Amino acid sequence: IKEIFNDAMNVRIGGDEFISIFTDGANMQS
């Protein structure tokens, strides 16, 4: 996650669940 989504806020929100937050400049297609 840290390597591939190095332009995002990467969070372990609990257990085996993770989220990556992308702000302006990144969209679903990219």
PDB file of all heavy atoms in Angstrom:
ATOM      1  N   ILE A   1       0.844  -1.208   0.000  1.00  0.00           N
ATOM      2  CA  ILE A   1       0.000   0.000   0.000  1.00  0.00           C
ATOM      3  C   ILE A   1       0.872   1.248   0.000  1.00  0.00           C
ATOM      4  O   ILE A   1       0.636   2.196  -0.753  1.00  0.00           O
ATOM      5  CB  ILE A   1      -0.947  -0.017   1.227  1.00  0.00           C
ATOM      6  CG1 ILE A   1      -2.017  -1.102   1.050  1.00  0.00           C
ATOM      7  CG2 ILE A   1      -1.601   1.351   1.428  1.00  0.00           C
ATOM      8  CD1 ILE A   1      -2.881  -1.321   2.289  1.00  0.00           C
ATOM      9  N   LYS A   2       1.901   1.270   0.869  1.00  0.00           N
ATOM     10  CA  LYS A   2       2.781   2.438   0.937  1.00  0.00           C
ATOM     11  C   LYS A   2       3.532   2.646  -0.374  1.00  0.00           C
ATOM     12  O   LYS A   2       3.775   3.790  -0.793  1.00  0.00           O
ATOM     13  CB  LYS A   2       3.768   2.272   2.108  1.00  0.00           C
ATOM     14  CG  LYS A   2       3.118   2.479   3.463  1.00  0.00           C
ATOM     15  CD  LYS A   2       4.141   2.423   4.592  1.00  0.00           C
ATOM     16  CE  LYS A   2       4.473   1.016   4.978  1.00  0.00           C
ATOM     17  NZ  LYS A   2       5.314   0.942   6.212  1.00  0.00           N
ATOM     18  N   GLU A   3       3.919   1.561  -1.020  1.00  0.00           N
ATOM     19  CA  GLU A   3       4.679   1.667  -2.268  1.00  0.00           C
ATOM     20  C   GLU A   3       3.797   2.095  -3.441  1.00  0.00           C
ATOM     21  O   GLU A   3       4.140   3.021  -4.186  1.00  0.00           O
ATOM     22  CB  GLU A   3       5.338   0.326  -2.578  1.00  0.00           C
ATOM     23  CG  GLU A   3       6.065   0.301  -3.921  1.00  0.00           C
ATOM     24  CD  GLU A   3       6.512  -1.096  -4.314  1.00  0.00           C
ATOM     25  OE1 GLU A   3       6.539  -2.000  -3.437  1.00  0.00           O
ATOM     26  OE2 GLU A   3       6.839  -1.291  -5.501  1.00  0.00           O
ATOM     27  N   ILE A   4       2.659   1.448  -3.588  1.00  0.00           N
ATOM     28  CA  ILE A   4       1.815   1.680  -4.771  1.00  0.00           C
ATOM     29  C   ILE A   4       0.985   2.950  -4.639  1.00  0.00           C
ATOM     30  O   ILE A   4       0.763   3.666  -5.624  1.00  0.00           O
ATOM     31  CB  ILE A   4       0.907   0.450  -5.008  1.00  0.00           C
ATOM     32  CG1 ILE A   4       1.777  -0.789  -5.298  1.00  0.00           C
ATOM     33  CG2 ILE A   4      -0.071   0.698  -6.156  1.00  0.00           C
ATOM     34  CD1 ILE A   4       1.002  -2.096  -5.348  1.00  0.00           C
ATOM     35  N   PHE A   5       0.566   3.270  -3.427  1.00  0.00           N
ATOM     36  CA  PHE A   5      -0.271   4.461  -3.208  1.00  0.00           C
ATOM     37  C   PHE A   5       0.496   5.511  -2.401  1.00  0.00           C
ATOM     38  O   PHE A   5       0.015   6.015  -1.384  1.00  0.00           O
ATOM     39  CB  PHE A   5      -1.569   4.064  -2.493  1.00  0.00           C
ATOM     40  CG  PHE A   5      -2.326   2.964  -3.170  1.00  0.00           C
ATOM     41  CD1 PHE A   5      -2.705   1.820  -2.474  1.00  0.00           C
ATOM     42  CD2 PHE A   5      -2.649   3.056  -4.519  1.00  0.00           C
ATOM     43  CE1 PHE A   5      -3.408   0.812  -3.106  1.00  0.00           C
ATOM     44  CE2 PHE A   5      -3.340   2.032  -5.158  1.00  0.00           C
ATOM     45  CZ  PHE A   5      -3.716   0.905  -4.450  1.00  0.00           C
ATOM     46  N   ASN A   6       1.697   5.819  -2.847  1.00  0.00           N
ATOM     47  CA  ASN A   6       2.549   6.765  -2.112  1.00  0.00           C
ATOM     48  C   ASN A   6       2.077   8.211  -2.226  1.00  0.00           C
ATOM     49  O   ASN A   6       2.641   9.103  -1.608  1.00  0.00           O
ATOM     50  CB  ASN A   6       4.005   6.652  -2.564  1.00  0.00           C
ATOM     51  CG  ASN A   6       4.166   6.896  -4.062  1.00  0.00           C
ATOM     52  OD1 ASN A   6       3.227   7.296  -4.741  1.00  0.00           O
ATOM     53  ND2 ASN A   6       5.359   6.645  -4.564  1.00  0.00           N
ATOM     54  N   ASP A   7       1.038   8.458  -3.021  1.00  0.00           N
ATOM     55  CA  ASP A   7       0.477   9.800  -3.143  1.00  0.00           C
ATOM     56  C   ASP A   7      -0.807   9.953  -2.332  1.00  0.00           C
ATOM     57  O   ASP A   7      -1.540  10.932  -2.491  1.00  0.00           O
ATOM     58  CB  ASP A   7       0.191  10.114  -4.612  1.00  0.00           C
ATOM     59  CG  ASP A   7      -0.738   9.091  -5.271  1.00  0.00           C
ATOM     60  OD1 ASP A   7      -0.844   7.953  -4.739  1.00  0.00           O
ATOM     61  OD2 ASP A   7      -1.347   9.411  -6.309  1.00  0.00           O
ATOM     62  N   ALA A   8      -1.079   8.983  -1.469  1.00  0.00           N
ATOM     63  CA  ALA A   8      -2.336   8.985  -0.712  1.00  0.00           C
ATOM     64  C   ALA A   8      -2.069   8.986   0.788  1.00  0.00           C
ATOM     65  O   ALA A   8      -0.955   8.724   1.246  1.00  0.00           O
ATOM     66  CB  ALA A   8      -3.172   7.760  -1.091  1.00  0.00           C
ATOM     67  N   MET A   9      -3.106   9.314   1.559  1.00  0.00           N
ATOM     68  CA  MET A   9      -3.080   9.137   3.007  1.00  0.00           C
ATOM     69  C   MET A   9      -3.524   7.705   3.272  1.00  0.00           C
ATOM     70  O   MET A   9      -4.684   7.344   3.059  1.00  0.00           O
ATOM     71  CB  MET A   9      -4.025  10.128   3.682  1.00  0.00           C
ATOM     72  CG  MET A   9      -4.388   9.764   5.123  1.00  0.00           C
ATOM     73  SD  MET A   9      -2.984   9.667   6.245  1.00  0.00           S
ATOM     74  CE  MET A   9      -2.597  11.385   6.458  1.00  0.00           C
ATOM     75  N   ASN A  10      -2.569   6.862   3.706  1.00  0.00           N
ATOM     76  CA  ASN A  10      -2.837   5.441   3.905  1.00  0.00           C
ATOM     77  C   ASN A  10      -3.043   5.161   5.380  1.00  0.00           C
ATOM     78  O   ASN A  10      -2.198   5.500   6.215  1.00  0.00           O
ATOM     79  CB  ASN A  10      -1.677   4.618   3.358  1.00  0.00           C
ATOM     80  CG  ASN A  10      -1.464   4.858   1.876  1.00  0.00           C
ATOM     81  OD1 ASN A  10      -2.392   4.730   1.082  1.00  0.00           O
ATOM     82  ND2 ASN A  10      -0.243   5.196   1.489  1.00  0.00           N
ATOM     83  N   VAL A  11      -4.171   4.525   5.715  1.00  0.00           N
ATOM     84  CA  VAL A  11      -4.577   4.359   7.106  1.00  0.00           C
ATOM     85  C   VAL A  11      -4.982   2.913   7.363  1.00  0.00           C
ATOM     86  O   VAL A  11      -5.693   2.300   6.560  1.00  0.00           O
ATOM     87  CB  VAL A  11      -5.772   5.279   7.448  1.00  0.00           C
ATOM     88  CG1 VAL A  11      -6.096   5.206   8.938  1.00  0.00           C
ATOM     89  CG2 VAL A  11      -5.510   6.709   7.012  1.00  0.00           C
ATOM     90  N   ARG A  12      -4.495   2.374   8.480  1.00  0.00           N
ATOM     91  CA  ARG A  12      -5.045   1.117   8.972  1.00  0.00           C
ATOM     92  C   ARG A  12      -6.143   1.491   9.961  1.00  0.00           C
ATOM     93  O   ARG A  12      -5.864   2.036  11.024  1.00  0.00           O
ATOM     94  CB  ARG A  12      -3.979   0.278   9.660  1.00  0.00           C
ATOM     95  CG  ARG A  12      -4.523  -1.073  10.161  1.00  0.00           C
ATOM     96  CD  ARG A  12      -3.492  -1.817  10.992  1.00  0.00           C
ATOM     97  NE  ARG A  12      -4.027  -3.090  11.477  1.00  0.00           N
ATOM     98  CZ  ARG A  12      -3.434  -3.849  12.400  1.00  0.00           C
ATOM     99  NH1 ARG A  12      -2.278  -3.459  12.945  1.00  0.00           N
ATOM    100  NH2 ARG A  12      -3.997  -4.999  12.786  1.00  0.00           N
ATOM    101  N   ILE A  13      -7.366   1.197   9.601  1.00  0.00           N
ATOM    102  CA  ILE A  13      -8.477   1.639  10.438  1.00  0.00           C
ATOM    103  C   ILE A  13      -8.904   0.565  11.439  1.00  0.00           C
ATOM    104  O   ILE A  13      -9.747   0.820  12.305  1.00  0.00           O
ATOM    105  CB  ILE A  13      -9.682   2.091   9.593  1.00  0.00           C
ATOM    106  CG1 ILE A  13     -10.166   0.981   8.673  1.00  0.00           C
ATOM    107  CG2 ILE A  13      -9.320   3.335   8.794  1.00  0.00           C
ATOM    108  CD1 ILE A  13     -11.435   1.349   7.921  1.00  0.00           C
ATOM    109  N   GLY A  14      -8.301  -0.612  11.327  1.00  0.00           N
ATOM    110  CA  GLY A  14      -8.598  -1.640  12.320  1.00  0.00           C
ATOM    111  C   GLY A  14      -8.456  -3.022  11.730  1.00  0.00           C
ATOM    112  O   GLY A  14      -8.820  -3.251  10.571  1.00  0.00           O
ATOM    113  N   GLY A  15      -7.927  -3.977  12.529  1.00  0.00           N
ATOM    114  CA  GLY A  15      -7.819  -5.358  12.095  1.00  0.00           C
ATOM    115  C   GLY A  15      -7.126  -5.495  10.755  1.00  0.00           C
ATOM    116  O   GLY A  15      -5.974  -5.093  10.580  1.00  0.00           O
ATOM    117  N   ASP A  16      -7.842  -6.034   9.779  1.00  0.00           N
ATOM    118  CA  ASP A  16      -7.290  -6.223   8.429  1.00  0.00           C
ATOM    119  C   ASP A  16      -7.933  -5.257   7.440  1.00  0.00           C
ATOM    120  O   ASP A  16      -8.010  -5.541   6.241  1.00  0.00           O
ATOM    121  CB  ASP A  16      -7.513  -7.667   7.971  1.00  0.00           C
ATOM    122  CG  ASP A  16      -8.994  -8.040   7.917  1.00  0.00           C
ATOM    123  OD1 ASP A  16      -9.788  -7.408   8.646  1.00  0.00           O
ATOM    124  OD2 ASP A  16      -9.358  -8.944   7.143  1.00  0.00           O
ATOM    125  N   GLU A  17      -8.390  -4.096   7.927  1.00  0.00           N
ATOM    126  CA  GLU A  17      -9.035  -3.107   7.074  1.00  0.00           C
ATOM    127  C   GLU A  17      -8.139  -1.877   6.899  1.00  0.00           C
ATOM    128  O   GLU A  17      -7.580  -1.365   7.867  1.00  0.00           O
ATOM    129  CB  GLU A  17     -10.381  -2.692   7.673  1.00  0.00           C
ATOM    130  CG  GLU A  17     -11.382  -3.838   7.755  1.00  0.00           C
ATOM    131  CD  GLU A  17     -12.721  -3.385   8.328  1.00  0.00           C
ATOM    132  OE1 GLU A  17     -12.753  -2.295   8.956  1.00  0.00           O
ATOM    133  OE2 GLU A  17     -13.716  -4.087   8.132  1.00  0.00           O
ATOM    134  N   PHE A  18      -8.047  -1.419   5.657  1.00  0.00           N
ATOM    135  CA  PHE A  18      -7.189  -0.289   5.313  1.00  0.00           C
ATOM    136  C   PHE A  18      -7.946   0.637   4.367  1.00  0.00           C
ATOM    137  O   PHE A  18      -8.799   0.196   3.589  1.00  0.00           O
ATOM    138  CB  PHE A  18      -5.914  -0.769   4.601  1.00  0.00           C
ATOM    139  CG  PHE A  18      -5.152  -1.822   5.348  1.00  0.00           C
ATOM    140  CD1 PHE A  18      -5.483  -3.179   5.207  1.00  0.00           C
ATOM    141  CD2 PHE A  18      -4.114  -1.483   6.200  1.00  0.00           C
ATOM    142  CE1 PHE A  18      -4.775  -4.154   5.898  1.00  0.00           C
ATOM    143  CE2 PHE A  18      -3.402  -2.448   6.886  1.00  0.00           C
ATOM    144  CZ  PHE A  18      -3.737  -3.791   6.727  1.00  0.00           C
ATOM    145  N   ILE A  19      -7.598   1.922   4.447  1.00  0.00           N
ATOM    146  CA  ILE A  19      -8.122   2.860   3.462  1.00  0.00           C
ATOM    147  C   ILE A  19      -6.982   3.732   2.943  1.00  0.00           C
ATOM    148  O   ILE A  19      -6.001   3.980   3.641  1.00  0.00           O
ATOM    149  CB  ILE A  19      -9.244   3.766   4.031  1.00  0.00           C
ATOM    150  CG1 ILE A  19      -8.715   4.637   5.177  1.00  0.00           C
ATOM    151  CG2 ILE A  19     -10.443   2.940   4.462  1.00  0.00           C
ATOM    152  CD1 ILE A  19      -9.718   5.687   5.635  1.00  0.00           C
ATOM    153  N   SER A  20      -7.128   4.150   1.697  1.00  0.00           N
ATOM    154  CA  SER A  20      -6.225   5.129   1.103  1.00  0.00           C
ATOM    155  C   SER A  20      -7.079   6.283   0.609  1.00  0.00           C
ATOM    156  O   SER A  20      -8.068   6.068  -0.114  1.00  0.00           O
ATOM    157  CB  SER A  20      -5.430   4.517  -0.060  1.00  0.00           C
ATOM    158  OG  SER A  20      -4.537   3.527   0.403  1.00  0.00           O
ATOM    159  N   ILE A  21      -6.711   7.507   1.007  1.00  0.00           N
ATOM    160  CA  ILE A  21      -7.487   8.695   0.651  1.00  0.00           C
ATOM    161  C   ILE A  21      -6.702   9.493  -0.374  1.00  0.00           C
ATOM    162  O   ILE A  21      -5.566   9.901  -0.133  1.00  0.00           O
ATOM    163  CB  ILE A  21      -7.772   9.568   1.887  1.00  0.00           C
ATOM    164  CG1 ILE A  21      -8.482   8.744   2.968  1.00  0.00           C
ATOM    165  CG2 ILE A  21      -8.602  10.788   1.515  1.00  0.00           C
ATOM    166  CD1 ILE A  21      -8.630   9.466   4.287  1.00  0.00           C
ATOM    167  N   PHE A  22      -7.330   9.723  -1.514  1.00  0.00           N
ATOM    168  CA  PHE A  22      -6.711  10.491  -2.598  1.00  0.00           C
ATOM    169  C   PHE A  22      -7.439  11.823  -2.717  1.00  0.00           C
ATOM    170  O   PHE A  22      -8.663  11.862  -2.770  1.00  0.00           O
ATOM    171  CB  PHE A  22      -6.805   9.733  -3.920  1.00  0.00           C
ATOM    172  CG  PHE A  22      -6.161   8.380  -3.900  1.00  0.00           C
ATOM    173  CD1 PHE A  22      -6.862   7.263  -3.425  1.00  0.00           C
ATOM    174  CD2 PHE A  22      -4.860   8.206  -4.332  1.00  0.00           C
ATOM    175  CE1 PHE A  22      -6.283   6.013  -3.406  1.00  0.00           C
ATOM    176  CE2 PHE A  22      -4.264   6.954  -4.317  1.00  0.00           C
ATOM    177  CZ  PHE A  22      -4.977   5.855  -3.847  1.00  0.00           C
ATOM    178  N   THR A  23      -6.700  12.896  -2.766  1.00  0.00           N
ATOM    179  CA  THR A  23      -7.305  14.220  -2.887  1.00  0.00           C
ATOM    180  C   THR A  23      -7.186  14.706  -4.323  1.00  0.00           C
ATOM    181  O   THR A  23      -6.996  13.907  -5.245  1.00  0.00           O
ATOM    182  CB  THR A  23      -6.638  15.204  -1.915  1.00  0.00           C
ATOM    183  OG1 THR A  23      -5.227  15.192  -2.121  1.00  0.00           O
ATOM    184  CG2 THR A  23      -6.913  14.794  -0.471  1.00  0.00           C
ATOM    185  N   ASP A  24      -7.304  16.023  -4.531  1.00  0.00           N
ATOM    186  CA  ASP A  24      -7.336  16.577  -5.890  1.00  0.00           C
ATOM    187  C   ASP A  24      -6.215  16.021  -6.758  1.00  0.00           C
ATOM    188  O   ASP A  24      -5.062  15.949  -6.351  1.00  0.00           O
ATOM    189  CB  ASP A  24      -7.202  18.100  -5.831  1.00  0.00           C
ATOM    190  CG  ASP A  24      -8.426  18.730  -5.196  1.00  0.00           C
ATOM    191  OD1 ASP A  24      -9.487  18.091  -5.221  1.00  0.00           O
ATOM    192  OD2 ASP A  24      -8.302  19.845  -4.652  1.00  0.00           O
ATOM    193  N   GLY A  25      -6.553  15.623  -7.930  1.00  0.00           N
ATOM    194  CA  GLY A  25      -5.553  15.134  -8.871  1.00  0.00           C
ATOM    195  C   GLY A  25      -5.650  13.650  -9.128  1.00  0.00           C
ATOM    196  O   GLY A  25      -5.095  13.137 -10.092  1.00  0.00           O
ATOM    197  N   ALA A  26      -6.316  12.935  -8.254  1.00  0.00           N
ATOM    198  CA  ALA A  26      -6.472  11.497  -8.430  1.00  0.00           C
ATOM    199  C   ALA A  26      -7.957  11.170  -8.524  1.00  0.00           C
ATOM    200  O   ALA A  26      -8.761  11.656  -7.737  1.00  0.00           O
ATOM    201  CB  ALA A  26      -5.838  10.747  -7.268  1.00  0.00           C
ATOM    202  N   ASN A  27      -8.334  10.343  -9.496  1.00  0.00           N
ATOM    203  CA  ASN A  27      -9.727   9.934  -9.632  1.00  0.00           C
ATOM    204  C   ASN A  27      -9.815   8.421  -9.737  1.00  0.00           C
ATOM    205  O   ASN A  27      -8.794   7.723  -9.767  1.00  0.00           O
ATOM    206  CB  ASN A  27     -10.380  10.605 -10.847  1.00  0.00           C
ATOM    207  CG  ASN A  27      -9.580  10.378 -12.119  1.00  0.00           C
ATOM    208  OD1 ASN A  27      -9.080   9.280 -12.361  1.00  0.00           O
ATOM    209  ND2 ASN A  27      -9.452  11.427 -12.925  1.00  0.00           N
ATOM    210  N   MET A  28     -11.029   7.932  -9.787  1.00  0.00           N
ATOM    211  CA  MET A  28     -11.233   6.478  -9.781  1.00  0.00           C
ATOM    212  C   MET A  28     -10.562   5.797 -10.965  1.00  0.00           C
ATOM    213  O   MET A  28     -10.020   4.710 -10.837  1.00  0.00           O
ATOM    214  CB  MET A  28     -12.735   6.178  -9.773  1.00  0.00           C
ATOM    215  CG  MET A  28     -13.410   6.558  -8.457  1.00  0.00           C
ATOM    216  SD  MET A  28     -15.143   6.072  -8.390  1.00  0.00           S
ATOM    217  CE  MET A  28     -15.849   7.171  -9.624  1.00  0.00           C
ATOM    218  N   GLN A  29     -10.586   6.459 -12.128  1.00  0.00           N
ATOM    219  CA  GLN A  29     -10.019   5.854 -13.330  1.00  0.00           C
ATOM    220  C   GLN A  29      -8.500   5.698 -13.225  1.00  0.00           C
ATOM    221  O   GLN A  29      -7.921   4.733 -13.724  1.00  0.00           O
ATOM    222  CB  GLN A  29     -10.364   6.695 -14.565  1.00  0.00           C
ATOM    223  CG  GLN A  29     -11.821   6.582 -15.007  1.00  0.00           C
ATOM    224  CD  GLN A  29     -12.784   7.258 -14.032  1.00  0.00           C
ATOM    225  OE1 GLN A  29     -12.414   8.246 -13.392  1.00  0.00           O
ATOM    226  NE2 GLN A  29     -13.985   6.718 -13.912  1.00  0.00           N
ATOM    227  N   SER A  30      -7.843   6.669 -12.552  1.00  0.00           N
ATOM    228  CA  SER A  30      -6.389   6.569 -12.395  1.00  0.00           C
ATOM    229  C   SER A  30      -6.003   5.656 -11.244  1.00  0.00           C
ATOM    230  O   SER A  30      -4.901   5.098 -11.228  1.00  0.00           O
ATOM    231  CB  SER A  30      -5.789   7.961 -12.174  1.00  0.00           C
ATOM    232  OG  SER A  30      -6.240   8.513 -10.943  1.00  0.00           O
TER     233      SER A  30
END
